[in-house]
Amino acid sequence: MNLTRDRVHSIGWMTVLLVCGAFSLALMLRVNAVRSQVAGNEKRIVYLQRDIEFLETEFQTRSNQQQLKTLNDVEFGYEAPRAEQYIEGERQLAALGKAPAPGAPAPIRYASVDGISEGSQDGGALMAMVSPVTGATPTKPASDEARADKGDEKDEGQALARDARNLGKRLARIELAADTQ
């Protein structure tokens, strides 16, 4: 096989084209890989910028709250409302309720034992409540300390003030219907 000069040139150019094509393909793959990394980094930058904005807002909010608290303490002296500023006891709270719907059970009422004879064991404490639905009484009576406090108190205003202070605790306690039966 006799290779002529034109034939060698043709094979040389084909080899150069193949080598250039291979380098172009490798370069294209590398460019796409770098482009993918750049896009990922841009997404991370946007996420971090949002995170920084959120933290700056949070910091400004908390610093404003601290400034407002300091201003309130120095200038105005406002304080959070307490339960006794609004109601005097459970009876007043119950009076604020809506009228019962037709067919609703009778509401639970407090009964005072002031009219009971001297032989009463409770000595003027409230009688046990009875559920109008089940007829059951509460399983755990009031603590002995609370009963002793009620026995010692003579002024109804003091009793109402104490009940108003404890109202938040009583309202925060959740008792399920299954627990009371």
N, C-alpha and C. Protein backbone atom coordinates (compact mmCIF):
# COMPACT_ATOMS: atom_id res chain seq x y z
N MET A 1 0.81 -1.15 0.00
CA MET A 1 0.00 0.00 0.00
C MET A 1 0.88 1.25 0.00
N ASN A 2 0.69 1.92 -0.97
CA ASN A 2 1.50 3.09 -1.20
C ASN A 2 0.69 4.32 -0.80
N LEU A 3 1.22 5.04 0.20
CA LEU A 3 0.52 6.24 0.67
C LEU A 3 1.05 7.44 -0.07
N THR A 4 0.20 8.10 -0.64
CA THR A 4 0.59 9.31 -1.34
C THR A 4 0.55 10.49 -0.39
N ARG A 5 1.14 11.52 -0.87
CA ARG A 5 1.23 12.72 -0.04
C ARG A 5 -0.15 13.27 0.28
N ASP A 6 -1.06 13.27 -0.63
CA ASP A 6 -2.42 13.77 -0.38
C ASP A 6 -3.14 12.87 0.63
N ARG A 7 -2.87 11.61 0.49
CA ARG A 7 -3.51 10.65 1.40
C ARG A 7 -3.02 10.89 2.83
N VAL A 8 -1.76 11.12 3.05
CA VAL A 8 -1.19 11.38 4.38
C VAL A 8 -1.76 12.68 4.92
N HIS A 9 -1.88 13.69 4.08
CA HIS A 9 -2.48 14.96 4.53
C HIS A 9 -3.92 14.74 4.98
N SER A 10 -4.65 13.97 4.25
CA SER A 10 -6.05 13.69 4.61
C SER A 10 -6.13 12.96 5.94
N ILE A 11 -5.29 11.98 6.12
CA ILE A 11 -5.29 11.23 7.39
C ILE A 11 -4.84 12.15 8.52
N GLY A 12 -3.88 13.00 8.28
CA GLY A 12 -3.42 13.95 9.31
C GLY A 12 -4.51 14.92 9.73
N TRP A 13 -5.20 15.46 8.73
CA TRP A 13 -6.28 16.40 9.06
C TRP A 13 -7.42 15.68 9.80
N MET A 14 -7.70 14.46 9.42
CA MET A 14 -8.75 13.70 10.12
C MET A 14 -8.35 13.46 11.58
N THR A 15 -7.08 13.16 11.78
CA THR A 15 -6.59 12.94 13.15
C THR A 15 -6.68 14.24 13.96
N VAL A 16 -6.27 15.31 13.37
CA VAL A 16 -6.34 16.62 14.05
C VAL A 16 -7.80 16.96 14.37
N LEU A 17 -8.71 16.70 13.42
CA LEU A 17 -10.12 16.98 13.67
C LEU A 17 -10.67 16.10 14.80
N LEU A 18 -10.28 14.83 14.82
CA LEU A 18 -10.74 13.93 15.89
C LEU A 18 -10.20 14.37 17.25
N VAL A 19 -8.93 14.76 17.28
CA VAL A 19 -8.34 15.24 18.55
C VAL A 19 -9.02 16.53 18.99
N CYS A 20 -9.25 17.43 18.07
CA CYS A 20 -9.94 18.69 18.41
C CYS A 20 -11.37 18.41 18.87
N GLY A 21 -12.05 17.47 18.20
CA GLY A 21 -13.41 17.11 18.62
C GLY A 21 -13.44 16.52 20.02
N ALA A 22 -12.43 15.66 20.32
CA ALA A 22 -12.36 15.07 21.66
C ALA A 22 -12.11 16.16 22.71
N PHE A 23 -11.17 17.07 22.41
CA PHE A 23 -10.91 18.18 23.35
C PHE A 23 -12.14 19.07 23.51
N SER A 24 -12.84 19.32 22.40
CA SER A 24 -14.05 20.14 22.47
C SER A 24 -15.12 19.46 23.34
N LEU A 25 -15.27 18.14 23.17
CA LEU A 25 -16.24 17.39 23.99
C LEU A 25 -15.86 17.43 25.47
N ALA A 26 -14.58 17.21 25.76
CA ALA A 26 -14.11 17.26 27.15
C ALA A 26 -14.31 18.66 27.74
N LEU A 27 -14.00 19.68 26.94
CA LEU A 27 -14.18 21.06 27.40
C LEU A 27 -15.65 21.37 27.64
N MET A 28 -16.52 20.90 26.75
CA MET A 28 -17.96 21.13 26.91
C MET A 28 -18.48 20.46 28.19
N LEU A 29 -18.03 19.22 28.46
CA LEU A 29 -18.45 18.54 29.69
C LEU A 29 -17.95 19.28 30.93
N ARG A 30 -16.73 19.77 30.87
CA ARG A 30 -16.17 20.52 32.00
C ARG A 30 -16.93 21.83 32.21
N VAL A 31 -17.25 22.53 31.13
CA VAL A 31 -18.00 23.79 31.23
C VAL A 31 -19.38 23.53 31.84
N ASN A 32 -20.06 22.47 31.41
CA ASN A 32 -21.37 22.15 31.97
C ASN A 32 -21.28 21.79 33.45
N ALA A 33 -20.22 21.09 33.85
CA ALA A 33 -20.04 20.76 35.27
C ALA A 33 -19.83 22.03 36.09
N VAL A 34 -19.01 22.94 35.60
CA VAL A 34 -18.77 24.21 36.31
C VAL A 34 -20.04 25.05 36.34
N ARG A 35 -20.79 25.05 35.23
CA ARG A 35 -22.04 25.80 35.17
C ARG A 35 -23.03 25.25 36.21
N SER A 36 -23.09 23.93 36.37
CA SER A 36 -23.97 23.31 37.37
C SER A 36 -23.55 23.71 38.78
N GLN A 37 -22.25 23.73 39.03
CA GLN A 37 -21.76 24.15 40.35
C GLN A 37 -22.10 25.62 40.62
N VAL A 38 -21.95 26.45 39.60
CA VAL A 38 -22.28 27.88 39.75
C VAL A 38 -23.76 28.05 40.07
N ALA A 39 -24.63 27.30 39.37
CA ALA A 39 -26.07 27.40 39.63
C ALA A 39 -26.39 26.94 41.06
N GLY A 40 -25.75 25.86 41.51
CA GLY A 40 -25.95 25.40 42.89
C GLY A 40 -25.49 26.43 43.90
N ASN A 41 -24.33 27.03 43.63
CA ASN A 41 -23.82 28.06 44.55
C ASN A 41 -24.71 29.29 44.56
N GLU A 42 -25.26 29.66 43.40
CA GLU A 42 -26.19 30.80 43.37
C GLU A 42 -27.44 30.51 44.19
N LYS A 43 -27.95 29.29 44.12
CA LYS A 43 -29.11 28.92 44.93
C LYS A 43 -28.77 29.01 46.41
N ARG A 44 -27.59 28.53 46.78
CA ARG A 44 -27.18 28.62 48.19
C ARG A 44 -27.02 30.07 48.63
N ILE A 45 -26.50 30.91 47.75
CA ILE A 45 -26.34 32.33 48.08
C ILE A 45 -27.70 32.97 48.32
N VAL A 46 -28.67 32.68 47.44
CA VAL A 46 -30.01 33.24 47.62
C VAL A 46 -30.61 32.75 48.93
N TYR A 47 -30.45 31.46 49.26
CA TYR A 47 -30.97 30.92 50.52
C TYR A 47 -30.32 31.60 51.72
N LEU A 48 -29.00 31.78 51.65
CA LEU A 48 -28.30 32.43 52.76
C LEU A 48 -28.70 33.90 52.90
N GLN A 49 -28.92 34.58 51.77
CA GLN A 49 -29.37 35.98 51.84
C GLN A 49 -30.74 36.07 52.50
N ARG A 50 -31.64 35.15 52.16
CA ARG A 50 -32.96 35.14 52.81
C ARG A 50 -32.82 34.85 54.29
N ASP A 51 -31.93 33.92 54.63
CA ASP A 51 -31.71 33.58 56.03
C ASP A 51 -31.14 34.78 56.79
N ILE A 52 -30.22 35.50 56.17
CA ILE A 52 -29.64 36.69 56.80
C ILE A 52 -30.70 37.76 57.00
N GLU A 53 -31.56 37.97 56.00
CA GLU A 53 -32.64 38.95 56.13
C GLU A 53 -33.58 38.57 57.26
N PHE A 54 -33.91 37.27 57.35
CA PHE A 54 -34.78 36.81 58.44
C PHE A 54 -34.14 37.08 59.79
N LEU A 55 -32.85 36.75 59.92
CA LEU A 55 -32.17 36.97 61.20
C LEU A 55 -32.05 38.45 61.53
N GLU A 56 -31.82 39.29 60.53
CA GLU A 56 -31.76 40.73 60.78
C GLU A 56 -33.11 41.25 61.26
N THR A 57 -34.19 40.77 60.63
CA THR A 57 -35.53 41.17 61.05
C THR A 57 -35.80 40.70 62.48
N GLU A 58 -35.42 39.47 62.77
CA GLU A 58 -35.61 38.93 64.12
C GLU A 58 -34.83 39.75 65.14
N PHE A 59 -33.60 40.10 64.81
CA PHE A 59 -32.78 40.89 65.72
C PHE A 59 -33.39 42.27 65.95
N GLN A 60 -33.85 42.91 64.88
CA GLN A 60 -34.47 44.23 65.01
C GLN A 60 -35.75 44.15 65.84
N THR A 61 -36.53 43.08 65.62
CA THR A 61 -37.77 42.93 66.38
C THR A 61 -37.47 42.77 67.86
N ARG A 62 -36.51 41.91 68.17
CA ARG A 62 -36.18 41.70 69.59
C ARG A 62 -35.58 42.94 70.21
N SER A 63 -34.75 43.66 69.48
CA SER A 63 -34.18 44.88 70.06
C SER A 63 -35.28 45.93 70.24
N ASN A 64 -36.25 45.99 69.32
CA ASN A 64 -37.36 46.93 69.49
C ASN A 64 -38.19 46.55 70.71
N GLN A 65 -38.39 45.25 70.93
CA GLN A 65 -39.15 44.82 72.10
C GLN A 65 -38.43 45.24 73.38
N GLN A 66 -37.11 45.07 73.39
CA GLN A 66 -36.33 45.47 74.57
C GLN A 66 -36.41 46.99 74.76
N GLN A 67 -36.33 47.75 73.68
CA GLN A 67 -36.44 49.21 73.79
C GLN A 67 -37.82 49.61 74.29
N LEU A 68 -38.87 48.93 73.78
CA LEU A 68 -40.22 49.24 74.24
C LEU A 68 -40.39 48.90 75.72
N LYS A 69 -39.81 47.78 76.15
CA LYS A 69 -39.90 47.41 77.56
C LYS A 69 -39.18 48.44 78.43
N THR A 70 -38.00 48.84 78.00
CA THR A 70 -37.26 49.85 78.76
C THR A 70 -38.02 51.17 78.80
N LEU A 71 -38.56 51.59 77.67
CA LEU A 71 -39.34 52.83 77.62
C LEU A 71 -40.57 52.72 78.52
N ASN A 72 -41.23 51.58 78.50
CA ASN A 72 -42.41 51.38 79.34
C ASN A 72 -42.03 51.43 80.82
N ASP A 73 -40.92 50.76 81.18
CA ASP A 73 -40.50 50.75 82.59
C ASP A 73 -40.15 52.16 83.07
N VAL A 74 -39.48 52.95 82.22
CA VAL A 74 -39.02 54.28 82.63
C VAL A 74 -40.14 55.31 82.54
N GLU A 75 -40.85 55.34 81.43
CA GLU A 75 -41.80 56.42 81.17
C GLU A 75 -43.23 56.13 81.63
N PHE A 76 -43.76 54.99 81.24
CA PHE A 76 -45.19 54.77 81.39
C PHE A 76 -45.56 53.89 82.59
N GLY A 77 -44.81 52.83 82.80
CA GLY A 77 -45.10 51.94 83.93
C GLY A 77 -46.31 51.04 83.69
N TYR A 78 -46.62 50.75 82.44
CA TYR A 78 -47.73 49.84 82.15
C TYR A 78 -47.36 48.43 82.58
N GLU A 79 -48.35 47.64 82.92
CA GLU A 79 -48.12 46.22 83.24
C GLU A 79 -49.24 45.40 82.61
N ALA A 80 -48.98 44.13 82.46
CA ALA A 80 -49.95 43.24 81.82
C ALA A 80 -51.21 43.15 82.68
N PRO A 81 -52.37 43.07 82.04
CA PRO A 81 -53.61 42.98 82.82
C PRO A 81 -53.68 41.67 83.60
N ARG A 82 -54.36 41.74 84.74
CA ARG A 82 -54.55 40.57 85.59
C ARG A 82 -56.02 40.19 85.55
N ALA A 83 -56.32 38.98 85.95
CA ALA A 83 -57.69 38.48 85.89
C ALA A 83 -58.62 39.30 86.77
N GLU A 84 -58.15 39.72 87.94
CA GLU A 84 -59.04 40.44 88.85
C GLU A 84 -59.42 41.83 88.35
N GLN A 85 -58.75 42.31 87.30
CA GLN A 85 -59.13 43.58 86.72
C GLN A 85 -60.41 43.45 85.88
N TYR A 86 -60.75 42.26 85.51
CA TYR A 86 -61.88 42.06 84.62
C TYR A 86 -63.07 41.43 85.33
N ILE A 87 -62.83 40.40 86.12
CA ILE A 87 -63.94 39.71 86.78
C ILE A 87 -63.59 39.49 88.24
N GLU A 88 -64.61 39.31 89.06
CA GLU A 88 -64.39 39.13 90.48
C GLU A 88 -64.39 37.66 90.88
N GLY A 89 -64.88 36.78 90.05
CA GLY A 89 -64.91 35.36 90.40
C GLY A 89 -65.62 34.56 89.34
N GLU A 90 -65.82 33.27 89.65
CA GLU A 90 -66.47 32.38 88.69
C GLU A 90 -67.92 32.78 88.44
N ARG A 91 -68.56 33.32 89.45
CA ARG A 91 -69.97 33.69 89.28
C ARG A 91 -70.12 34.80 88.25
N GLN A 92 -69.25 35.78 88.33
CA GLN A 92 -69.32 36.87 87.36
C GLN A 92 -68.94 36.36 85.97
N LEU A 93 -67.98 35.44 85.91
CA LEU A 93 -67.62 34.84 84.64
C LEU A 93 -68.79 34.06 84.06
N ALA A 94 -69.50 33.32 84.90
CA ALA A 94 -70.65 32.55 84.43
C ALA A 94 -71.77 33.48 83.99
N ALA A 95 -71.89 34.64 84.62
CA ALA A 95 -72.94 35.59 84.24
C ALA A 95 -72.69 36.16 82.85
N LEU A 96 -71.44 36.12 82.38
CA LEU A 96 -71.13 36.64 81.06
C LEU A 96 -71.45 35.65 79.95
N GLY A 97 -71.79 34.43 80.30
CA GLY A 97 -72.04 33.39 79.32
C GLY A 97 -73.32 33.63 78.54
N LYS A 98 -73.47 32.87 77.46
CA LYS A 98 -74.66 32.96 76.62
C LYS A 98 -75.81 32.21 77.27
N ALA A 99 -77.00 32.53 76.87
CA ALA A 99 -78.17 31.80 77.36
C ALA A 99 -78.10 30.37 76.83
N PRO A 100 -78.50 29.40 77.63
CA PRO A 100 -78.40 28.01 77.17
C PRO A 100 -79.34 27.75 75.99
N ALA A 101 -78.91 26.86 75.12
CA ALA A 101 -79.71 26.49 73.97
C ALA A 101 -80.87 25.61 74.43
N PRO A 102 -81.93 25.52 73.65
CA PRO A 102 -83.04 24.65 74.04
C PRO A 102 -82.58 23.21 74.16
N GLY A 103 -82.97 22.56 75.24
CA GLY A 103 -82.60 21.17 75.47
C GLY A 103 -81.25 20.99 76.12
N ALA A 104 -80.55 22.08 76.46
CA ALA A 104 -79.25 21.97 77.11
C ALA A 104 -79.43 21.62 78.57
N PRO A 105 -78.48 20.88 79.17
CA PRO A 105 -78.60 20.56 80.59
C PRO A 105 -78.48 21.82 81.44
N ALA A 106 -79.01 21.75 82.62
CA ALA A 106 -78.94 22.89 83.54
C ALA A 106 -77.49 23.16 83.90
N PRO A 107 -77.10 24.42 84.05
CA PRO A 107 -75.70 24.72 84.37
C PRO A 107 -75.37 24.27 85.80
N ILE A 108 -74.09 24.06 86.02
CA ILE A 108 -73.62 23.71 87.36
C ILE A 108 -73.66 24.98 88.19
N ARG A 109 -74.25 24.90 89.35
CA ARG A 109 -74.39 26.08 90.20
C ARG A 109 -73.65 25.87 91.51
N TYR A 110 -73.14 26.96 92.06
CA TYR A 110 -72.49 26.91 93.36
C TYR A 110 -73.55 27.11 94.43
N ALA A 111 -73.46 26.34 95.47
CA ALA A 111 -74.41 26.49 96.57
C ALA A 111 -73.64 26.87 97.82
N SER A 112 -74.14 27.81 98.53
CA SER A 112 -73.52 28.23 99.77
C SER A 112 -74.17 27.49 100.92
N VAL A 113 -73.38 27.10 101.90
CA VAL A 113 -73.90 26.36 103.05
C VAL A 113 -74.03 27.27 104.27
N ASP A 114 -74.20 28.56 104.04
CA ASP A 114 -74.32 29.49 105.16
C ASP A 114 -75.57 29.20 105.98
N GLY A 115 -76.63 28.72 105.37
CA GLY A 115 -77.88 28.47 106.07
C GLY A 115 -77.94 27.12 106.76
N ILE A 116 -76.92 26.27 106.64
CA ILE A 116 -76.94 24.95 107.25
C ILE A 116 -76.59 25.09 108.72
N SER A 117 -77.08 24.17 109.52
CA SER A 117 -76.92 24.25 110.98
C SER A 117 -75.45 24.16 111.38
N GLU A 118 -75.20 24.43 112.66
CA GLU A 118 -73.85 24.46 113.20
C GLU A 118 -73.17 23.10 113.12
N GLY A 119 -73.91 22.01 113.00
CA GLY A 119 -73.33 20.67 112.99
C GLY A 119 -72.70 20.31 111.66
N SER A 120 -72.64 21.22 110.73
CA SER A 120 -72.07 20.94 109.41
C SER A 120 -70.57 20.69 109.51
N GLN A 121 -70.09 19.74 108.75
CA GLN A 121 -68.67 19.41 108.78
C GLN A 121 -67.84 20.46 108.03
N ASP A 122 -68.38 21.03 106.99
CA ASP A 122 -67.62 21.96 106.16
C ASP A 122 -67.48 23.33 106.80
N GLY A 123 -68.36 23.70 107.68
CA GLY A 123 -68.26 25.00 108.35
C GLY A 123 -68.40 26.16 107.39
N GLY A 124 -69.32 26.10 106.44
CA GLY A 124 -69.57 27.22 105.55
C GLY A 124 -68.85 27.13 104.22
N ALA A 125 -68.18 26.02 103.90
CA ALA A 125 -67.50 25.87 102.62
C ALA A 125 -68.53 25.55 101.53
N LEU A 126 -68.14 25.68 100.30
CA LEU A 126 -69.04 25.38 99.20
C LEU A 126 -69.34 23.89 99.15
N MET A 127 -70.56 23.55 98.77
CA MET A 127 -70.95 22.15 98.65
C MET A 127 -70.30 21.57 97.39
N ALA A 128 -70.22 20.26 97.35
CA ALA A 128 -69.63 19.60 96.19
C ALA A 128 -70.50 19.83 94.97
N MET A 129 -69.88 20.00 93.81
CA MET A 129 -70.61 20.21 92.57
C MET A 129 -71.02 18.85 92.01
N VAL A 130 -72.14 18.82 91.33
CA VAL A 130 -72.64 17.60 90.70
C VAL A 130 -72.86 17.91 89.23
N SER A 131 -72.35 17.02 88.38
CA SER A 131 -72.51 17.21 86.95
C SER A 131 -73.96 17.00 86.57
N PRO A 132 -74.58 17.91 85.82
CA PRO A 132 -75.97 17.72 85.42
C PRO A 132 -76.12 16.63 84.35
N VAL A 133 -75.04 16.29 83.68
CA VAL A 133 -75.12 15.28 82.62
C VAL A 133 -74.99 13.88 83.20
N THR A 134 -73.92 13.65 84.01
CA THR A 134 -73.66 12.30 84.52
C THR A 134 -74.13 12.11 85.95
N GLY A 135 -74.30 13.17 86.70
CA GLY A 135 -74.68 13.07 88.10
C GLY A 135 -73.50 12.75 88.99
N ALA A 136 -72.27 12.73 88.45
CA ALA A 136 -71.08 12.40 89.22
C ALA A 136 -70.54 13.64 89.91
N THR A 137 -69.89 13.41 91.03
CA THR A 137 -69.22 14.49 91.75
C THR A 137 -67.75 14.46 91.36
N PRO A 138 -67.05 15.55 91.56
CA PRO A 138 -65.62 15.54 91.24
C PRO A 138 -64.89 14.49 92.06
N THR A 139 -63.92 13.81 91.45
CA THR A 139 -63.21 12.74 92.13
C THR A 139 -62.24 13.27 93.16
N LYS A 140 -61.66 14.43 92.93
CA LYS A 140 -60.68 14.99 93.84
C LYS A 140 -61.24 16.28 94.43
N PRO A 141 -61.57 16.30 95.74
CA PRO A 141 -62.09 17.53 96.34
C PRO A 141 -60.99 18.57 96.45
N ALA A 142 -61.39 19.75 96.81
CA ALA A 142 -60.43 20.83 96.99
C ALA A 142 -59.44 20.44 98.07
N SER A 143 -58.22 20.97 97.98
CA SER A 143 -57.18 20.60 98.93
C SER A 143 -57.55 21.06 100.34
N ASP A 144 -56.95 20.39 101.32
CA ASP A 144 -57.23 20.73 102.71
C ASP A 144 -56.78 22.15 103.02
N GLU A 145 -55.69 22.58 102.41
CA GLU A 145 -55.22 23.95 102.65
C GLU A 145 -56.25 24.96 102.15
N ALA A 146 -56.84 24.70 100.99
CA ALA A 146 -57.84 25.61 100.44
C ALA A 146 -59.06 25.65 101.34
N ARG A 147 -59.47 24.47 101.87
CA ARG A 147 -60.62 24.46 102.78
C ARG A 147 -60.31 25.20 104.07
N ALA A 148 -59.09 25.04 104.58
CA ALA A 148 -58.71 25.75 105.80
C ALA A 148 -58.70 27.25 105.55
N ASP A 149 -58.19 27.65 104.37
CA ASP A 149 -58.17 29.08 104.03
C ASP A 149 -59.59 29.62 103.95
N LYS A 150 -60.53 28.85 103.37
CA LYS A 150 -61.91 29.31 103.25
C LYS A 150 -62.55 29.43 104.62
N GLY A 151 -62.21 28.50 105.50
CA GLY A 151 -62.78 28.56 106.84
C GLY A 151 -62.27 29.76 107.62
N ASP A 152 -61.02 30.16 107.37
CA ASP A 152 -60.43 31.28 108.10
C ASP A 152 -60.88 32.63 107.55
N GLU A 153 -61.22 32.69 106.30
CA GLU A 153 -61.60 33.98 105.71
C GLU A 153 -63.02 34.34 106.11
N LYS A 154 -63.18 35.59 106.50
CA LYS A 154 -64.52 36.06 106.90
C LYS A 154 -65.04 37.09 105.92
N ASP A 155 -64.15 37.73 105.23
CA ASP A 155 -64.56 38.80 104.33
C ASP A 155 -64.76 38.23 102.92
N GLU A 156 -65.93 38.43 102.35
CA GLU A 156 -66.22 37.89 101.02
C GLU A 156 -65.35 38.54 99.96
N GLY A 157 -64.96 39.76 100.14
CA GLY A 157 -64.10 40.44 99.17
C GLY A 157 -62.74 39.76 99.07
N GLN A 158 -62.20 39.31 100.20
CA GLN A 158 -60.93 38.60 100.18
C GLN A 158 -61.07 37.27 99.44
N ALA A 159 -62.17 36.59 99.66
CA ALA A 159 -62.40 35.31 99.00
C ALA A 159 -62.51 35.52 97.49
N LEU A 160 -63.22 36.57 97.08
CA LEU A 160 -63.35 36.84 95.66
C LEU A 160 -62.00 37.20 95.03
N ALA A 161 -61.18 37.94 95.75
CA ALA A 161 -59.86 38.31 95.23
C ALA A 161 -58.98 37.07 95.08
N ARG A 162 -59.03 36.16 96.05
CA ARG A 162 -58.24 34.93 95.97
C ARG A 162 -58.71 34.07 94.80
N ASP A 163 -60.03 33.97 94.65
CA ASP A 163 -60.57 33.19 93.54
C ASP A 163 -60.16 33.79 92.20
N ALA A 164 -60.12 35.11 92.11
CA ALA A 164 -59.72 35.76 90.86
C ALA A 164 -58.25 35.49 90.57
N ARG A 165 -57.40 35.46 91.60
CA ARG A 165 -55.98 35.17 91.40
C ARG A 165 -55.77 33.73 90.91
N ASN A 166 -56.59 32.81 91.39
CA ASN A 166 -56.44 31.41 91.02
C ASN A 166 -57.23 31.04 89.77
N LEU A 167 -57.95 31.99 89.22
CA LEU A 167 -58.79 31.69 88.07
C LEU A 167 -57.97 31.23 86.88
N GLY A 168 -56.83 31.85 86.64
CA GLY A 168 -55.98 31.47 85.52
C GLY A 168 -55.55 30.02 85.61
N LYS A 169 -55.20 29.57 86.81
CA LYS A 169 -54.78 28.17 86.98
C LYS A 169 -55.95 27.23 86.72
N ARG A 170 -57.12 27.60 87.22
CA ARG A 170 -58.28 26.72 87.04
C ARG A 170 -58.71 26.67 85.58
N LEU A 171 -58.64 27.81 84.89
CA LEU A 171 -59.04 27.82 83.49
C LEU A 171 -58.00 27.13 82.60
N ALA A 172 -56.74 27.13 83.01
CA ALA A 172 -55.69 26.51 82.21
C ALA A 172 -55.72 24.98 82.33
N ARG A 173 -56.35 24.46 83.36
CA ARG A 173 -56.40 23.00 83.55
C ARG A 173 -57.49 22.43 82.65
N ILE A 174 -57.15 21.37 81.94
CA ILE A 174 -58.07 20.73 81.03
C ILE A 174 -58.43 19.37 81.61
N GLU A 175 -59.71 19.15 81.81
CA GLU A 175 -60.19 17.85 82.29
C GLU A 175 -61.10 17.26 81.23
N LEU A 176 -60.74 16.07 80.81
CA LEU A 176 -61.54 15.39 79.81
C LEU A 176 -62.75 14.74 80.47
N ALA A 177 -63.84 14.56 79.73
CA ALA A 177 -65.06 13.98 80.27
C ALA A 177 -64.79 12.55 80.75
N ALA A 178 -63.89 11.83 80.10
CA ALA A 178 -63.60 10.44 80.49
C ALA A 178 -62.89 10.41 81.84
N ASP A 179 -62.12 11.46 82.20
CA ASP A 179 -61.40 11.49 83.48
C ASP A 179 -62.34 11.71 84.65
N THR A 180 -63.44 12.38 84.46
CA THR A 180 -64.32 12.71 85.57
C THR A 180 -65.31 11.60 85.88
N GLN A 181 -65.48 10.64 84.99
CA GLN A 181 -66.46 9.58 85.21
C GLN A 181 -65.89 8.46 86.02
